[in-house]
Amino acid sequence: MEATRPLMGTVFRVTVPDGTSDQTVDEVFAWLEHVEADFSTFRTDSAISRIGRGELARDDAPPEVLHVLARCDELEEATGGRFRVRGGPAPLDPSGFVKGWSVDEAALIVRSAGIDDFAIYAGGDILCAGQPPDGDRWRIGIRHPERPDQNLATVLAVEGGAVATSAAYYRGNHIRGSRDGVVVSVTVTGPSLGVADALATAIFSDGAESLEFMDRFPEYGLLLLDADGTMRKTPHIVTIP
């Protein structure tokens, strides 16, 4: 059973076993709509926009907003400033964490309904649990951002957890890495989609120039894709030939 809905500037898709109640799926999307209302940088009435304009004090924000901003502060420190929600005159924008975090929280709704096998997709990112309908591991395709004629750059075999990818799909804004040329895609796997999304964003924005901070995240795996098709990955990443 699948259900999709456009939210947060992308498309969310929930995959659950046949027979799952519509109420559970509706609760997931209601939660995601609530997150969009609080965190959208395009809505002038959202809490995050009001904080950015100085109309709402951070301490007076809803609890979810306080939690997210605190986690973003922690991730900014842990990544040496590579992940940040505000820089210079730029508006306050925690989107690099919020989308994944919203899925982490949505997964709790699904699990509370007694469902162990499911996947929640948010654009190119995914959080999966248990087993897919075919009873095997989840297979997550990673596109090559500069080769639209190529089906997939690689396929990950995931037994459960999060997969987040940050890439310059078809936009040509290369980011140069320090060893093997131009880094065009960064994929991070791990237990939390919010953290994986933030790490992928941080590494991609930095061009993978410095990865020492990943030692602080031992549960997370990393895959780098260069423009020439070269892949570099940590042992956490399992690919399907």
Protein backbone atom coordinates (compact mmCIF):
# COMPACT_ATOMS: atom_id res chain seq x y z
CA MET A 1 0.00 0.00 0.00
CA GLU A 2 1.40 3.38 -0.99
CA ALA A 3 0.24 6.94 -0.49
CA THR A 4 1.88 10.12 -1.76
CA ARG A 5 1.46 13.81 -1.10
CA PRO A 6 3.38 16.95 -2.11
CA LEU A 7 4.86 18.64 0.96
CA MET A 8 7.86 20.81 1.87
CA GLY A 9 8.71 21.43 -1.77
CA THR A 10 9.00 17.74 -2.59
CA VAL A 11 6.90 14.58 -2.67
CA PHE A 12 6.50 12.31 0.34
CA ARG A 13 5.55 8.67 -0.12
CA VAL A 14 4.54 6.23 2.59
CA THR A 15 4.82 2.51 1.87
CA VAL A 16 3.13 0.22 4.38
CA PRO A 17 1.73 -3.33 4.28
CA ASP A 18 -1.63 -3.90 2.64
CA GLY A 19 -4.38 -3.70 5.20
CA THR A 20 -2.84 -0.80 7.12
CA SER A 21 -5.59 1.50 8.32
CA ASP A 22 -6.14 4.73 6.44
CA GLN A 23 -6.10 6.46 9.82
CA THR A 24 -2.43 5.62 10.34
CA VAL A 25 -1.46 7.00 6.94
CA ASP A 26 -3.62 10.08 7.52
CA GLU A 27 -1.89 10.69 10.86
CA VAL A 28 1.50 10.55 9.15
CA PHE A 29 0.53 13.16 6.59
CA ALA A 30 -1.20 15.31 9.20
CA TRP A 31 2.07 15.36 11.14
CA LEU A 32 4.07 16.30 8.05
CA GLU A 33 1.61 19.10 7.28
CA HIS A 34 2.02 20.36 10.83
CA VAL A 35 5.80 20.41 10.38
CA GLU A 36 5.46 22.32 7.13
CA ALA A 37 3.23 24.90 8.81
CA ASP A 38 5.84 25.52 11.52
CA PHE A 39 9.02 25.31 9.46
CA SER A 40 8.26 26.47 5.93
CA THR A 41 10.60 29.28 4.89
CA PHE A 42 8.12 30.19 2.14
CA ARG A 43 5.17 30.81 4.45
CA THR A 44 5.32 34.20 6.12
CA ASP A 45 3.19 32.96 9.01
CA SER A 46 5.36 29.98 9.91
CA ALA A 47 7.13 30.04 13.26
CA ILE A 48 10.53 29.74 11.60
CA SER A 49 9.85 32.72 9.32
CA ARG A 50 8.61 34.81 12.23
CA ILE A 51 11.74 33.97 14.25
CA GLY A 52 13.89 34.88 11.28
CA ARG A 53 12.24 38.29 11.00
CA GLY A 54 12.53 38.90 14.73
CA GLU A 55 8.74 38.84 15.24
CA LEU A 56 8.84 35.75 17.46
CA ALA A 57 11.40 35.19 20.18
CA ARG A 58 13.11 31.83 19.92
CA ASP A 59 12.21 30.98 23.51
CA ASP A 60 8.53 31.59 22.71
CA ALA A 61 8.47 29.21 19.75
CA PRO A 62 6.51 25.92 19.77
CA PRO A 63 8.30 22.99 21.47
CA GLU A 64 9.05 21.24 18.18
CA VAL A 65 10.77 24.35 16.86
CA LEU A 66 12.88 24.71 20.01
CA HIS A 67 13.88 21.06 19.75
CA VAL A 68 14.86 21.32 16.09
CA LEU A 69 16.88 24.49 16.56
CA ALA A 70 18.69 22.95 19.52
CA ARG A 71 19.57 19.87 17.45
CA CYS A 72 20.73 22.09 14.61
CA ASP A 73 22.98 23.96 17.03
CA GLU A 74 24.46 20.63 18.15
CA LEU A 75 25.02 19.52 14.57
CA GLU A 76 26.62 22.83 13.65
CA GLU A 77 29.11 22.39 16.48
CA ALA A 78 29.72 18.71 15.68
CA THR A 79 30.43 19.47 12.01
CA GLY A 80 32.70 22.40 12.73
CA GLY A 81 30.19 24.85 11.27
CA ARG A 82 29.76 22.99 7.99
CA PHE A 83 26.10 22.45 8.74
CA ARG A 84 24.38 25.65 9.67
CA VAL A 85 20.87 27.06 9.62
CA ARG A 86 21.86 30.69 9.31
CA GLY A 87 24.81 32.46 7.80
CA GLY A 88 25.34 36.17 7.38
CA PRO A 89 22.22 37.86 5.96
CA ALA A 90 20.63 34.55 4.92
CA PRO A 91 17.24 33.76 6.48
CA LEU A 92 16.87 31.18 9.22
CA ASP A 93 16.51 27.86 7.39
CA PRO A 94 16.75 24.50 9.21
CA SER A 95 15.40 22.62 6.18
CA GLY A 96 18.58 20.54 5.94
CA PHE A 97 17.56 18.82 9.17
CA VAL A 98 13.79 19.34 9.36
CA LYS A 99 12.73 17.17 6.44
CA GLY A 100 14.59 14.13 7.71
CA TRP A 101 13.61 14.77 11.31
CA SER A 102 9.96 14.98 10.32
CA VAL A 103 10.27 11.51 8.78
CA ASP A 104 11.98 10.15 11.90
CA GLU A 105 9.01 11.38 13.92
CA ALA A 106 6.51 10.08 11.35
CA ALA A 107 8.09 6.65 11.71
CA LEU A 108 7.11 6.67 15.39
CA ILE A 109 3.48 7.08 14.35
CA VAL A 110 3.74 4.07 12.06
CA ARG A 111 5.47 1.95 14.69
CA SER A 112 2.90 2.91 17.33
CA ALA A 113 0.28 1.33 15.05
CA GLY A 114 2.15 -1.97 15.32
CA ILE A 115 3.68 -1.81 11.86
CA ASP A 116 7.26 -3.06 11.58
CA ASP A 117 7.76 -3.13 7.80
CA PHE A 118 7.50 0.26 6.12
CA ALA A 119 9.30 3.00 4.25
CA ILE A 120 8.82 6.75 4.18
CA TYR A 121 10.30 8.60 1.23
CA ALA A 122 10.97 12.33 1.24
CA GLY A 123 12.15 13.33 -2.20
CA GLY A 124 15.44 11.50 -2.68
CA ASP A 125 15.76 10.51 0.99
CA ILE A 126 14.26 7.51 2.74
CA LEU A 127 13.75 5.91 6.12
CA CYS A 128 12.94 2.21 5.97
CA ALA A 129 12.34 -0.49 8.54
CA GLY A 130 11.82 -4.22 8.59
CA GLN A 131 11.52 -5.82 5.18
CA PRO A 132 10.09 -4.67 1.84
CA PRO A 133 7.16 -6.51 0.24
CA ASP A 134 9.49 -8.98 -1.51
CA GLY A 135 10.92 -10.06 1.85
CA ASP A 136 14.50 -9.09 1.04
CA ARG A 137 16.57 -6.06 1.95
CA TRP A 138 15.44 -2.63 0.84
CA ARG A 139 17.14 -1.55 -2.37
CA ILE A 140 17.82 2.17 -2.63
CA GLY A 141 18.99 3.53 -5.97
CA ILE A 142 21.47 6.42 -6.11
CA ARG A 143 21.29 8.46 -9.29
CA HIS A 144 24.32 10.01 -10.94
CA PRO A 145 23.40 13.71 -10.98
CA GLU A 146 25.24 14.44 -14.22
CA ARG A 147 24.35 11.35 -16.22
CA PRO A 148 20.59 11.34 -16.77
CA ASP A 149 21.02 8.70 -19.48
CA GLN A 150 22.46 6.31 -16.91
CA ASN A 151 19.85 4.42 -14.92
CA LEU A 152 21.61 4.48 -11.54
CA ALA A 153 25.11 5.14 -10.29
CA THR A 154 24.71 2.37 -7.72
CA VAL A 155 22.16 0.58 -5.58
CA LEU A 156 22.40 0.28 -1.81
CA ALA A 157 21.21 -2.77 0.10
CA VAL A 158 19.65 -1.54 3.35
CA GLU A 159 18.30 -3.73 6.13
CA GLY A 160 16.76 -0.74 7.87
CA GLY A 161 17.59 2.86 8.63
CA ALA A 162 18.01 6.13 6.80
CA VAL A 163 19.54 7.05 3.46
CA ALA A 164 20.03 10.73 2.60
CA THR A 165 21.65 12.11 -0.54
CA SER A 166 22.80 15.64 -1.30
CA ALA A 167 23.66 16.33 -4.93
CA ALA A 168 23.58 18.97 -7.65
CA TYR A 169 21.14 17.16 -9.90
CA TYR A 170 21.48 18.50 -13.42
CA ARG A 171 22.40 21.97 -12.25
CA GLY A 172 26.09 21.89 -13.02
CA ASN A 173 27.26 23.42 -9.75
CA HIS A 174 30.24 21.13 -9.20
CA ILE A 175 31.90 20.95 -5.85
CA ARG A 176 35.56 20.02 -5.94
CA GLY A 177 36.88 17.38 -3.57
CA SER A 178 40.41 17.19 -2.29
CA ARG A 179 41.49 13.85 -3.78
CA ASP A 180 39.55 12.49 -6.71
CA GLY A 181 38.24 15.46 -8.62
CA VAL A 182 34.71 16.80 -8.46
CA VAL A 183 32.29 15.51 -5.84
CA VAL A 184 28.80 15.56 -7.34
CA SER A 185 26.87 13.45 -4.84
CA VAL A 186 27.10 12.63 -1.14
CA THR A 187 25.05 9.85 0.46
CA VAL A 188 24.90 9.23 4.20
CA THR A 189 23.27 6.24 5.88
CA GLY A 190 22.46 5.73 9.53
CA PRO A 191 19.75 5.36 12.16
CA SER A 192 18.29 8.90 11.90
CA LEU A 193 17.22 10.55 8.64
CA GLY A 194 17.44 14.01 10.21
CA VAL A 195 21.09 13.52 11.14
CA ALA A 196 21.92 11.75 7.87
CA ASP A 197 20.34 14.60 5.89
CA ALA A 198 22.27 17.22 7.85
CA LEU A 199 25.57 15.36 7.42
CA ALA A 200 25.02 14.90 3.68
CA THR A 201 24.27 18.61 3.38
CA ALA A 202 27.38 19.55 5.38
CA ILE A 203 29.73 17.27 3.45
CA PHE A 204 28.36 18.28 0.07
CA SER A 205 28.54 22.00 0.82
CA ASP A 206 32.15 21.52 1.92
CA GLY A 207 33.05 19.53 -1.20
CA ALA A 208 34.12 16.65 1.07
CA GLU A 209 37.29 18.61 1.77
CA SER A 210 37.29 17.63 5.43
CA LEU A 211 35.68 14.49 6.84
CA GLU A 212 37.32 14.24 10.24
CA PHE A 213 34.13 15.25 12.00
CA MET A 214 32.48 12.03 10.79
CA ASP A 215 34.41 10.28 13.57
CA ARG A 216 31.78 11.77 15.87
CA PHE A 217 29.10 9.80 14.03
CA PRO A 218 30.30 6.18 14.12
CA GLU A 219 26.86 4.77 13.30
CA TYR A 220 26.73 6.59 9.96
CA GLY A 221 28.09 5.44 6.61
CA LEU A 222 29.29 7.61 3.73
CA LEU A 223 29.36 7.25 -0.04
CA LEU A 224 30.95 9.90 -2.29
CA LEU A 225 30.36 9.97 -6.02
CA ASP A 226 32.72 11.90 -8.31
CA ALA A 227 31.87 13.29 -11.72
CA ASP A 228 33.94 10.59 -13.42
CA GLY A 229 31.89 7.86 -11.73
CA THR A 230 34.45 7.03 -9.04
CA MET A 231 32.84 5.98 -5.76
CA ARG A 232 34.37 6.08 -2.32
CA LYS A 233 32.53 4.52 0.61
CA THR A 234 32.89 3.46 4.20
CA PRO A 235 32.35 -0.16 5.30
CA HIS A 236 28.84 0.75 6.53
CA ILE A 237 27.70 1.06 2.91
CA VAL A 238 26.65 -2.14 1.14
CA THR A 239 26.15 -1.86 -2.62
CA ILE A 240 24.55 -4.32 -5.01
CA PRO A 241 26.73 -5.04 -8.07
